[in-house]
Protein backbone atom coordinates (compact mmCIF):
# COMPACT_ATOMS: atom_id res chain seq x y z
CA MET A 1 -7.71 11.40 10.73
CA ASP A 2 -6.46 8.58 12.96
CA LYS A 3 -3.38 6.84 11.44
CA GLU A 4 -1.33 3.73 12.28
CA ASN A 5 2.19 3.47 10.87
CA LEU A 6 2.52 0.01 9.25
CA VAL A 7 6.02 -1.33 9.81
CA ASN A 8 5.75 -5.15 10.33
CA THR A 9 4.28 -8.17 8.65
CA ASP A 10 1.66 -8.80 11.37
CA GLN A 11 0.19 -5.32 10.85
CA PHE A 12 -0.05 -5.86 7.10
CA LYS A 13 -1.61 -9.33 7.54
CA ARG A 14 -4.52 -7.73 9.41
CA LEU A 15 -5.44 -5.50 6.50
CA LYS A 16 -8.54 -6.25 4.47
CA LYS A 17 -10.25 -5.13 1.28
CA GLY A 18 -11.74 -1.68 1.72
CA ASP A 19 -9.17 -0.43 4.32
CA CYS A 20 -7.72 3.03 3.57
CA LEU A 21 -3.95 3.38 3.20
CA LEU A 22 -1.88 6.53 3.06
CA VAL A 23 1.16 5.70 0.91
CA ASN A 24 4.17 7.98 0.88
CA TRP A 25 5.84 7.32 -2.45
CA ASN A 26 9.57 7.66 -3.06
CA GLU A 27 10.64 9.89 -5.92
CA LYS A 28 11.59 6.75 -7.90
CA ALA A 29 7.92 5.71 -8.08
CA GLU A 30 7.21 8.32 -10.74
CA VAL A 31 9.19 6.25 -13.21
CA TRP A 32 6.29 3.72 -13.24
CA ASP A 33 3.38 6.13 -12.99
CA LYS A 34 3.35 9.93 -12.88
CA SER A 35 0.48 9.83 -10.36
CA MET A 36 2.64 8.02 -7.83
CA LYS A 37 4.17 11.09 -6.24
CA GLY A 38 4.13 12.51 -2.76
CA SER A 39 1.46 11.08 -0.46
CA MET A 40 -1.71 9.40 -1.76
CA LEU A 41 -4.78 7.85 -0.14
CA TYR A 42 -6.01 4.53 -1.53
CA LYS A 43 -8.75 2.10 -0.65
CA ILE A 44 -7.45 -1.49 -0.84
CA LEU A 45 -9.04 -3.25 -3.78
CA LYS A 46 -7.54 -6.68 -3.25
CA ILE A 47 -4.85 -8.51 -1.33
CA GLN A 48 -3.31 -11.49 -3.09
CA LYS A 49 -0.26 -13.76 -3.22
CA ALA A 50 2.55 -12.29 -5.34
CA ASP A 51 4.10 -15.76 -5.59
CA THR A 52 2.45 -19.19 -5.33
CA ARG A 53 5.23 -20.27 -2.96
CA SER A 54 4.20 -17.63 -0.46
CA ASP A 55 2.52 -18.75 2.77
CA TYR A 56 0.17 -15.75 2.83
CA PRO A 57 -1.09 -12.98 0.59
CA ASP A 58 1.58 -10.25 0.40
CA GLU A 59 0.66 -8.07 -2.59
CA ILE A 60 -1.74 -5.17 -2.09
CA ILE A 61 -3.66 -3.91 -5.11
CA LEU A 62 -4.46 -0.22 -4.69
CA ARG A 63 -5.72 0.77 -8.13
CA VAL A 64 -6.36 -1.24 -11.31
CA LYS A 65 -5.92 1.73 -13.69
CA GLY A 66 -2.20 2.28 -13.86
CA ASN A 67 -1.57 -1.08 -12.11
CA ILE A 68 -0.80 0.51 -8.73
CA PHE A 69 0.25 -2.15 -6.18
CA PHE A 70 3.04 -3.05 -3.80
CA ASN A 71 4.46 -6.10 -2.06
CA PHE A 72 4.46 -5.49 1.71
CA ARG A 73 6.92 -8.30 2.36
CA LEU A 74 9.55 -6.38 0.37
CA PHE A 75 8.56 -3.12 2.08
CA VAL A 76 8.92 -4.60 5.60
CA LYS A 77 12.34 -6.07 4.61
CA GLU A 78 13.34 -2.58 3.36
CA GLU A 79 13.82 -3.99 -0.15
CA SER A 80 11.23 -1.72 -1.75
CA ASN A 81 12.70 1.34 -3.36
CA ILE A 82 9.43 3.06 -4.27
CA ILE A 83 7.67 3.43 -0.85
CA LYS A 84 8.85 5.57 2.06
CA SER A 85 6.03 4.72 4.48
CA VAL A 86 2.49 3.29 4.72
CA TYR A 87 -0.25 4.20 7.17
CA LEU A 88 -3.61 2.58 7.88
CA CYS A 89 -6.14 5.45 8.09
CA ARG A 90 -9.31 5.34 10.10
CA ASP A 91 -12.22 7.85 10.01
CA PHE A 92 -11.64 8.82 6.41
CA GLU A 93 -15.25 9.13 5.13
CA GLU A 94 -14.80 12.66 3.85
CA VAL A 95 -11.36 12.17 2.31
CA ARG A 96 -11.22 11.76 -1.46
CA LEU A 97 -9.43 8.58 -2.40
CA ALA A 98 -7.13 8.04 -5.41
């Protein structure tokens, strides 16, 4: 599987619905949802503005059940305490998604 480590805002702004992300959750993520542990693959369901004052969409919805999402602006600023790293995955047809 070809992966790109997402570390800056420009990389996240290029994402679109249907892209596959590998999210490495911090141990603290389990407090919100027991399924958020270790590394998980997700297909992006939606990208939306977390705040109406935002200039661009910055919240990535990964799964509706369990309300799994994250704000990439906080992640890039290292203000997110639930995500260790995020990768854009290519060539993932045979990988089972969360």
